[in-house]
Amino acid sequence: MPPEPSPPPATGAWREGDPPGQRTFLSLGAFRTQSGFLFPDLRVAYQSWGPLHPDRSNALFVAHALTGDSHACGEAGPGHRHAGWWNGLIGPGRAVDTRQWHVVCANVLGGCQGTTGPATPAPDGRPWGSRFPVITVADMVEVERRLSDALGIGRWACMLGPSLGGMRVLEWLVANPDRLASGLVIGATAAVGADQIGSHEAQIAAIRADERFRGGDYYSAPAGEGPHRGLGVARRIAHLSYRSRRELEVRFGRNPQHPEDPYAWRGGQGGGRFAIASYLDHQADKLVRRFDANSYIALTQAMSLFDLGRGRGGFEQALGGIRQPLTVVGVDSDRLFPLEQQEQIARLAPGAGAVRVIRSLHGHDGFLVEADQLAAIVAEALGEGRAPCTKKPAA
């Protein structure tokens, strides 16, 4: 029999003293959020690939999704529990060709892989934990803008991102139109709706109901004593929206998890599991070992708060002001952010053409699974002359 897995740490966050991996850390100084909270010294963790032209004209920014991080490209190793989440898209000879493009991906504000977030030490040396403020997508974009300044990149040739990353692309296009030459949005919406907010609220409630959450201050708990049950339930709820109903029926149906039998009642107690339950258990266990419960809450709340048109006359007016070239991509089986929401963005943004559709059984996660389809769309978008790719790179 395989050995029992070790208990997960209280948090899967990157912590001070862990191997830095391929991250670069940069201090951006004091930062005040839209909610009025002041971070005395905000830090960003980012990674980059490919040579940067002397005139910085070939810089691309990749914005990760909810549980992603700066490790968009590369192998697993010290400091990185998993290989790059977009390895199929980024690299030499791939759609985002790092022989031509200088690619940057930064862990988002509120994340848990090196950028200031709930697990980061506050000035008193303790993690921010329950003291971490409400943040917004606009806060995240402002941090990314300041990172751009620090890197000396006045204008990104393109910014591309899925899901939460796509929301940030839209915010960039509206808030900083002179800093972004073009955008590529995948599986996102211009304003998160009630269905999505309701799912978010259920996930957040599951985490907070875990007695080991301790109000958000659980970082000193020993391995196995963190809010893993609550975070695991949240992941199960979310993952059902990441995959399509048809895929789950095809893959699992009513099958038992062999050799367990859901009908094998013993003394009035329940029997074994269905295969779908085992699959969701596996997804939950993977997440609790690499993510942080407070970060999950902070980033999920930020998604619920996202409305591109807030303070801008409505999202229709905000989208109507986007003049930069914009490629909008949707997955036909996405039930988290349905295709109609990408069609709406493409219809209202003057810089967008018709929505590009990924045909997939895999739902929202099609942006990760359907690498070949997405690569063709991305390569086409980046090949439309939006940035020079023929100059000699810097030595």
Protein backbone atom coordinates (compact mmCIF):
# COMPACT_ATOMS: atom_id res chain seq x y z
CA MET A 1 0.00 0.00 0.00
CA PRO A 2 1.23 3.55 -0.72
CA PRO A 3 2.36 5.51 2.34
CA GLU A 4 -0.09 7.86 4.01
CA PRO A 5 0.42 11.44 2.74
CA SER A 6 1.95 13.85 5.19
CA PRO A 7 -0.44 16.35 6.78
CA PRO A 8 -0.56 19.67 4.93
CA PRO A 9 1.02 22.75 6.56
CA ALA A 10 -1.27 25.33 8.15
CA THR A 11 -0.87 27.35 4.97
CA GLY A 12 0.45 26.52 1.52
CA ALA A 13 1.77 30.07 1.19
CA TRP A 14 5.38 30.86 0.38
CA ARG A 15 6.90 31.92 3.71
CA GLU A 16 9.99 33.88 4.66
CA GLY A 17 12.96 31.52 4.62
CA ASP A 18 11.53 29.26 1.91
CA PRO A 19 13.63 28.83 -1.26
CA PRO A 20 12.99 31.83 -3.53
CA GLY A 21 12.92 29.66 -6.62
CA GLN A 22 12.90 31.73 -9.79
CA ARG A 23 11.17 34.69 -8.16
CA THR A 24 12.53 38.21 -8.03
CA PHE A 25 11.30 40.33 -5.11
CA LEU A 26 10.78 44.06 -5.41
CA SER A 27 9.72 46.59 -2.78
CA LEU A 28 7.29 49.22 -4.03
CA GLY A 29 7.14 51.29 -0.84
CA ALA A 30 3.96 52.48 0.84
CA PHE A 31 0.65 51.60 -0.78
CA ARG A 32 -2.90 52.64 0.14
CA THR A 33 -5.81 50.46 -1.00
CA GLN A 34 -9.14 51.73 -2.25
CA SER A 35 -10.58 50.80 1.14
CA GLY A 36 -8.12 53.23 2.77
CA PHE A 37 -5.74 50.69 4.31
CA LEU A 38 -2.07 51.67 4.22
CA PHE A 39 0.65 49.08 3.67
CA PRO A 40 3.89 50.72 4.85
CA ASP A 41 6.00 48.67 2.45
CA LEU A 42 4.46 46.54 -0.26
CA ARG A 43 6.46 43.74 -1.91
CA VAL A 44 5.90 42.09 -5.27
CA ALA A 45 7.24 38.72 -6.40
CA TYR A 46 7.59 38.31 -10.13
CA GLN A 47 9.31 36.20 -12.76
CA SER A 48 10.44 37.03 -16.27
CA TRP A 49 11.57 35.19 -19.36
CA GLY A 50 13.16 36.25 -22.64
CA PRO A 51 15.38 39.17 -23.65
CA LEU A 52 14.08 42.72 -23.36
CA HIS A 53 14.74 44.99 -26.33
CA PRO A 54 16.70 48.17 -25.56
CA ASP A 55 13.59 50.27 -26.30
CA ARG A 56 11.43 47.89 -24.19
CA SER A 57 8.99 47.47 -27.06
CA ASN A 58 8.65 43.67 -26.76
CA ALA A 59 7.38 43.39 -23.17
CA LEU A 60 4.30 41.26 -22.43
CA PHE A 61 2.52 40.95 -19.09
CA VAL A 62 0.76 37.73 -18.08
CA ALA A 63 -1.95 38.11 -15.41
CA HIS A 64 -2.69 34.88 -13.54
CA ALA A 65 -6.05 33.55 -12.37
CA LEU A 66 -7.36 33.08 -8.81
CA THR A 67 -5.05 30.32 -7.55
CA GLY A 68 -2.21 30.94 -9.99
CA ASP A 69 1.07 32.72 -9.25
CA SER A 70 4.14 34.14 -10.95
CA HIS A 71 5.39 30.67 -12.00
CA ALA A 72 3.67 30.71 -15.39
CA CYS A 73 6.61 29.04 -17.10
CA GLY A 74 9.28 26.65 -15.85
CA GLU A 75 9.81 23.39 -14.07
CA ALA A 76 8.90 22.37 -10.54
CA GLY A 77 11.73 22.62 -8.03
CA PRO A 78 12.81 24.34 -4.83
CA GLY A 79 10.42 27.20 -4.21
CA HIS A 80 7.95 25.97 -6.85
CA ARG A 81 5.77 22.99 -5.97
CA HIS A 82 4.46 22.67 -9.51
CA ALA A 83 5.59 23.29 -13.07
CA GLY A 84 4.51 26.50 -14.76
CA TRP A 85 0.75 26.73 -15.07
CA TRP A 86 1.00 27.97 -18.70
CA ASN A 87 4.01 25.91 -19.81
CA GLY A 88 2.14 24.88 -22.95
CA LEU A 89 1.82 28.51 -24.04
CA ILE A 90 5.01 30.28 -22.93
CA GLY A 91 8.56 29.37 -23.88
CA PRO A 92 10.99 29.17 -26.80
CA GLY A 93 9.11 28.34 -29.99
CA ARG A 94 5.70 28.45 -28.30
CA ALA A 95 2.82 30.85 -28.94
CA VAL A 96 4.33 33.34 -26.51
CA ASP A 97 7.83 32.87 -27.86
CA THR A 98 10.39 33.91 -25.27
CA ARG A 99 13.02 34.22 -28.01
CA GLN A 100 11.05 37.22 -29.27
CA TRP A 101 9.10 38.46 -26.29
CA HIS A 102 10.11 39.56 -22.81
CA VAL A 103 7.41 38.06 -20.59
CA VAL A 104 6.64 39.13 -17.02
CA CYS A 105 4.24 37.48 -14.59
CA ALA A 106 3.78 38.78 -11.04
CA ASN A 107 2.01 37.23 -8.08
CA VAL A 108 -1.06 39.37 -7.48
CA LEU A 109 -1.65 41.62 -4.46
CA GLY A 110 -3.30 39.46 -1.80
CA GLY A 111 -1.78 36.29 -3.23
CA CYS A 112 0.31 33.81 -1.30
CA GLN A 113 3.42 33.23 -3.37
CA GLY A 114 5.69 36.12 -2.46
CA THR A 115 3.68 39.29 -3.08
CA THR A 116 2.22 41.02 -0.03
CA GLY A 117 -0.77 39.02 1.15
CA PRO A 118 -2.36 37.75 4.36
CA ALA A 119 0.54 35.34 5.08
CA THR A 120 3.15 38.11 4.71
CA PRO A 121 4.69 39.46 7.93
CA ALA A 122 3.34 42.84 9.01
CA PRO A 123 5.68 45.40 10.62
CA ASP A 124 5.17 43.68 14.00
CA GLY A 125 6.57 40.43 12.56
CA ARG A 126 3.27 38.54 12.66
CA PRO A 127 1.41 37.64 9.45
CA TRP A 128 -1.25 40.15 8.45
CA GLY A 129 -3.85 37.39 8.83
CA SER A 130 -7.19 38.75 10.01
CA ARG A 131 -5.84 42.30 9.67
CA PHE A 132 -5.48 42.03 5.90
CA PRO A 133 -7.85 44.52 4.25
CA VAL A 134 -10.47 44.16 1.56
CA ILE A 135 -8.77 44.64 -1.79
CA THR A 136 -10.08 45.21 -5.31
CA VAL A 137 -9.07 44.39 -8.86
CA ALA A 138 -8.25 48.09 -9.23
CA ASP A 139 -5.82 47.77 -6.29
CA MET A 140 -4.15 44.83 -8.00
CA VAL A 141 -3.79 46.78 -11.24
CA GLU A 142 -2.32 49.78 -9.46
CA VAL A 143 0.31 47.53 -7.88
CA GLU A 144 1.07 46.11 -11.33
CA ARG A 145 1.34 49.64 -12.74
CA ARG A 146 3.87 50.53 -10.06
CA LEU A 147 5.78 47.36 -10.82
CA SER A 148 5.84 48.41 -14.47
CA ASP A 149 7.31 51.77 -13.47
CA ALA A 150 9.96 50.08 -11.36
CA LEU A 151 10.88 47.83 -14.31
CA GLY A 152 11.10 50.84 -16.61
CA ILE A 153 8.36 49.56 -18.91
CA GLY A 154 6.24 52.50 -19.97
CA ARG A 155 3.96 50.54 -22.26
CA TRP A 156 3.24 46.83 -22.48
CA ALA A 157 2.94 45.48 -26.02
CA CYS A 158 0.20 43.19 -24.76
CA MET A 159 -1.30 42.02 -21.49
CA LEU A 160 -3.04 38.67 -21.45
CA GLY A 161 -4.87 36.83 -18.72
CA PRO A 162 -7.57 34.27 -17.95
CA SER A 163 -10.45 34.64 -15.46
CA LEU A 164 -9.32 37.00 -12.66
CA GLY A 165 -6.36 37.81 -14.90
CA GLY A 166 -8.76 38.78 -17.68
CA MET A 167 -10.56 41.15 -15.33
CA ARG A 168 -7.24 42.82 -14.64
CA VAL A 169 -6.59 43.15 -18.37
CA LEU A 170 -9.89 44.99 -18.76
CA GLU A 171 -9.13 47.25 -15.80
CA TRP A 172 -5.70 48.02 -17.26
CA LEU A 173 -7.22 48.94 -20.64
CA VAL A 174 -9.63 51.38 -19.02
CA ALA A 175 -7.53 52.77 -16.15
CA ASN A 176 -4.18 52.98 -17.98
CA PRO A 177 -4.98 53.21 -21.70
CA ASP A 178 -1.63 54.80 -22.55
CA ARG A 179 0.29 51.99 -20.82
CA LEU A 180 -1.11 49.06 -22.79
CA ALA A 181 -0.91 48.64 -26.56
CA SER A 182 -3.27 45.66 -26.71
CA GLY A 183 -5.02 43.11 -24.55
CA LEU A 184 -6.13 39.49 -24.59
CA VAL A 185 -8.94 38.43 -22.25
CA ILE A 186 -9.84 34.78 -21.68
CA GLY A 187 -12.92 33.48 -19.85
CA ALA A 188 -13.68 36.70 -17.97
CA THR A 189 -16.51 39.18 -17.50
CA ALA A 190 -16.83 42.95 -17.29
CA ALA A 191 -18.99 42.71 -14.17
CA VAL A 192 -19.32 39.68 -11.90
CA GLY A 193 -22.98 38.71 -11.52
CA ALA A 194 -25.21 37.27 -8.81
CA ASP A 195 -24.66 33.63 -9.80
CA GLN A 196 -20.90 33.99 -9.46
CA ILE A 197 -21.12 36.10 -6.29
CA GLY A 198 -23.41 33.48 -4.74
CA SER A 199 -20.87 30.75 -5.42
CA HIS A 200 -18.12 32.95 -3.99
CA GLU A 201 -20.13 33.57 -0.82
CA ALA A 202 -20.66 29.83 -0.32
CA GLN A 203 -16.92 29.21 -0.68
CA ILE A 204 -15.97 31.98 1.75
CA ALA A 205 -18.58 30.78 4.27
CA ALA A 206 -17.11 27.26 4.12
CA ILE A 207 -13.64 28.56 5.02
CA ARG A 208 -14.87 30.79 7.82
CA ALA A 209 -16.98 27.97 9.28
CA ASP A 210 -13.87 25.84 9.82
CA GLU A 211 -13.02 26.10 13.53
CA ARG A 212 -9.35 25.87 12.62
CA PHE A 213 -9.65 29.09 10.62
CA ARG A 214 -9.38 30.90 13.96
CA GLY A 215 -10.77 34.11 12.56
CA GLY A 216 -7.95 34.23 10.03
CA ASP A 217 -5.03 33.87 12.47
CA TYR A 218 -3.97 30.25 12.02
CA TYR A 219 -0.40 30.64 10.79
CA SER A 220 1.30 29.30 13.89
CA ALA A 221 -0.76 26.09 13.88
CA PRO A 222 1.17 22.82 13.38
CA ALA A 223 0.88 20.78 10.19
CA GLY A 224 -2.56 19.28 9.83
CA GLU A 225 -4.16 21.90 12.09
CA GLY A 226 -4.87 24.65 9.52
CA PRO A 227 -8.29 25.43 7.99
CA HIS A 228 -7.92 22.65 5.44
CA ARG A 229 -11.47 21.36 5.69
CA GLY A 230 -13.00 24.73 4.96
CA LEU A 231 -10.59 25.54 2.16
CA GLY A 232 -11.11 22.05 0.74
CA VAL A 233 -14.89 22.48 0.70
CA ALA A 234 -14.45 25.87 -0.99
CA ARG A 235 -12.31 24.24 -3.66
CA ARG A 236 -14.88 21.51 -4.23
CA ILE A 237 -17.62 24.10 -4.77
CA ALA A 238 -15.43 26.13 -7.10
CA HIS A 239 -14.13 23.17 -9.07
CA LEU A 240 -17.63 22.13 -10.04
CA SER A 241 -17.93 25.49 -11.81
CA TYR A 242 -14.51 25.09 -13.44
CA ARG A 243 -15.50 21.92 -15.32
CA SER A 244 -18.54 21.33 -17.50
CA ARG A 245 -21.54 19.25 -16.54
CA ARG A 246 -21.05 17.10 -19.63
CA GLU A 247 -17.41 16.36 -18.79
CA LEU A 248 -18.31 15.22 -15.29
CA GLU A 249 -21.03 12.95 -16.65
CA VAL A 250 -18.71 11.46 -19.27
CA ARG A 251 -15.78 10.96 -16.88
CA PHE A 252 -17.61 9.87 -13.75
CA GLY A 253 -21.34 9.43 -14.20
CA ARG A 254 -22.70 7.41 -11.28
CA ASN A 255 -19.62 5.23 -11.08
CA PRO A 256 -18.31 4.21 -7.65
CA GLN A 257 -14.74 4.85 -6.63
CA HIS A 258 -13.46 1.33 -7.13
CA PRO A 259 -13.43 -0.77 -4.99
CA GLU A 260 -15.70 1.35 -2.80
CA ASP A 261 -19.48 0.92 -3.06
CA PRO A 262 -21.72 3.89 -2.15
CA TYR A 263 -24.52 1.40 -1.43
CA ALA A 264 -22.49 -0.72 0.97
CA TRP A 265 -24.21 0.55 4.12
CA ARG A 266 -22.79 -0.76 7.34
CA GLY A 267 -24.86 -0.58 10.49
CA GLY A 268 -26.88 2.30 9.12
CA GLN A 269 -23.75 4.23 8.24
CA GLY A 270 -22.75 5.41 4.77
CA GLY A 271 -20.78 3.24 2.38
CA GLY A 272 -18.04 4.17 -0.05
CA ARG A 273 -17.71 7.12 -2.38
CA PHE A 274 -18.81 7.90 -5.89
CA ALA A 275 -15.92 8.49 -8.30
CA ILE A 276 -16.82 12.19 -8.57
CA ALA A 277 -16.41 12.52 -4.79
CA SER A 278 -12.93 11.03 -4.95
CA TYR A 279 -12.03 13.44 -7.76
CA LEU A 280 -13.20 16.45 -5.75
CA ASP A 281 -11.32 15.17 -2.68
CA HIS A 282 -8.16 15.03 -4.79
CA GLN A 283 -8.62 18.59 -6.07
CA ALA A 284 -9.20 19.84 -2.53
CA ASP A 285 -6.10 18.11 -1.17
CA LYS A 286 -3.93 19.55 -3.94
CA LEU A 287 -5.08 23.10 -3.25
CA VAL A 288 -4.68 23.09 0.53
CA ARG A 289 -1.05 22.07 0.08
CA ARG A 290 -0.20 24.99 -2.18
CA PHE A 291 -2.56 27.84 -1.27
CA ASP A 292 -3.62 29.98 1.66
CA ALA A 293 -7.16 30.22 3.04
CA ASN A 294 -6.99 33.97 3.71
CA SER A 295 -5.65 34.64 0.22
CA TYR A 296 -8.50 32.58 -1.19
CA ILE A 297 -10.98 34.79 0.65
CA ALA A 298 -9.26 38.06 -0.29
CA LEU A 299 -9.01 37.25 -4.00
CA THR A 300 -12.51 35.76 -4.18
CA GLN A 301 -13.96 38.88 -2.56
CA ALA A 302 -12.06 41.04 -5.05
CA MET A 303 -13.66 39.11 -7.91
CA SER A 304 -17.13 39.59 -6.42
CA LEU A 305 -16.48 43.33 -6.15
CA PHE A 306 -15.35 43.60 -9.75
CA ASP A 307 -17.50 45.86 -11.92
CA LEU A 308 -15.56 47.61 -14.67
CA GLY A 309 -18.26 50.28 -14.90
CA ARG A 310 -18.36 51.25 -11.23
CA GLY A 311 -17.77 55.02 -11.09
CA ARG A 312 -17.50 55.07 -14.90
CA GLY A 313 -21.13 55.30 -15.94
CA GLY A 314 -21.69 51.55 -16.17
CA PHE A 315 -19.68 48.75 -17.74
CA GLU A 316 -21.21 49.41 -21.18
CA GLN A 317 -19.72 52.91 -21.17
CA ALA A 318 -16.42 51.67 -19.75
CA LEU A 319 -16.09 48.99 -22.43
CA GLY A 320 -17.08 51.53 -25.06
CA GLY A 321 -13.97 53.52 -24.24
CA ILE A 322 -11.56 50.68 -25.05
CA ARG A 323 -9.86 51.61 -28.32
CA GLN A 324 -6.80 49.39 -28.09
CA PRO A 325 -6.82 46.12 -30.06
CA LEU A 326 -8.49 43.54 -27.81
CA THR A 327 -8.76 39.80 -28.40
CA VAL A 328 -11.61 38.23 -26.42
CA VAL A 329 -11.62 34.46 -25.91
CA GLY A 330 -14.34 32.28 -24.42
CA VAL A 331 -14.86 28.56 -23.83
CA ASP A 332 -18.12 27.19 -25.22
CA SER A 333 -18.72 24.96 -22.18
CA ASP A 334 -17.75 27.53 -19.50
CA ARG A 335 -20.37 27.68 -16.77
CA LEU A 336 -18.42 29.94 -14.41
CA PHE A 337 -18.13 32.84 -16.86
CA PRO A 338 -20.39 31.76 -19.73
CA LEU A 339 -19.53 32.55 -23.33
CA GLU A 340 -22.29 35.17 -23.48
CA GLN A 341 -20.24 37.33 -21.11
CA GLN A 342 -17.24 37.33 -23.46
CA GLU A 343 -19.57 38.00 -26.40
CA GLN A 344 -20.83 41.05 -24.52
CA ILE A 345 -17.29 42.37 -24.03
CA ALA A 346 -16.45 41.83 -27.71
CA ARG A 347 -19.67 43.52 -28.81
CA LEU A 348 -19.23 46.63 -26.66
CA ALA A 349 -15.46 47.25 -26.89
CA PRO A 350 -14.66 49.09 -30.17
CA GLY A 351 -11.14 47.64 -30.19
CA ALA A 352 -12.39 44.05 -30.12
CA GLY A 353 -13.31 41.83 -33.02
CA ALA A 354 -15.63 38.85 -32.79
CA VAL A 355 -15.13 36.64 -29.76
CA ARG A 356 -12.79 33.70 -30.37
CA VAL A 357 -14.31 30.45 -29.15
CA ILE A 358 -12.43 27.48 -27.69
CA ARG A 359 -14.39 24.27 -28.24
CA SER A 360 -13.92 22.13 -25.17
CA LEU A 361 -15.50 19.50 -22.97
CA HIS A 362 -13.61 20.91 -20.00
CA GLY A 363 -15.51 24.10 -19.15
CA HIS A 364 -13.79 27.14 -17.66
CA ASP A 365 -10.55 25.18 -17.26
CA GLY A 366 -10.38 24.97 -21.04
CA PHE A 367 -7.88 27.85 -20.90
CA LEU A 368 -5.50 25.40 -19.19
CA VAL A 369 -6.47 22.18 -20.97
CA GLU A 370 -6.91 23.26 -24.59
CA ALA A 371 -3.34 24.45 -25.10
CA ASP A 372 -3.31 23.95 -28.87
CA GLN A 373 -6.49 25.92 -29.54
CA LEU A 374 -5.46 28.76 -27.25
CA ALA A 375 -1.93 28.82 -28.64
CA ALA A 376 -3.26 29.39 -32.17
CA ILE A 377 -5.40 32.31 -30.99
CA VAL A 378 -2.59 33.87 -28.96
CA ALA A 379 -0.04 33.47 -31.75
CA GLU A 380 -2.43 35.15 -34.18
CA ALA A 381 -3.07 38.03 -31.78
CA LEU A 382 0.63 38.59 -31.15
CA GLY A 383 1.42 38.31 -34.85
CA GLU A 384 -0.79 41.18 -35.92
CA GLY A 385 1.98 43.75 -35.73
CA ARG A 386 1.17 44.93 -32.24
CA ALA A 387 4.83 45.02 -31.29
CA PRO A 388 8.05 44.71 -33.26
CA CYS A 389 9.61 41.27 -33.06
CA THR A 390 12.46 41.71 -35.52
CA LYS A 391 14.87 43.88 -33.55
CA LYS A 392 17.99 42.37 -32.12
CA PRO A 393 17.56 41.66 -28.41
CA ALA A 394 19.71 43.34 -25.82
CA ALA A 395 23.02 41.64 -25.20
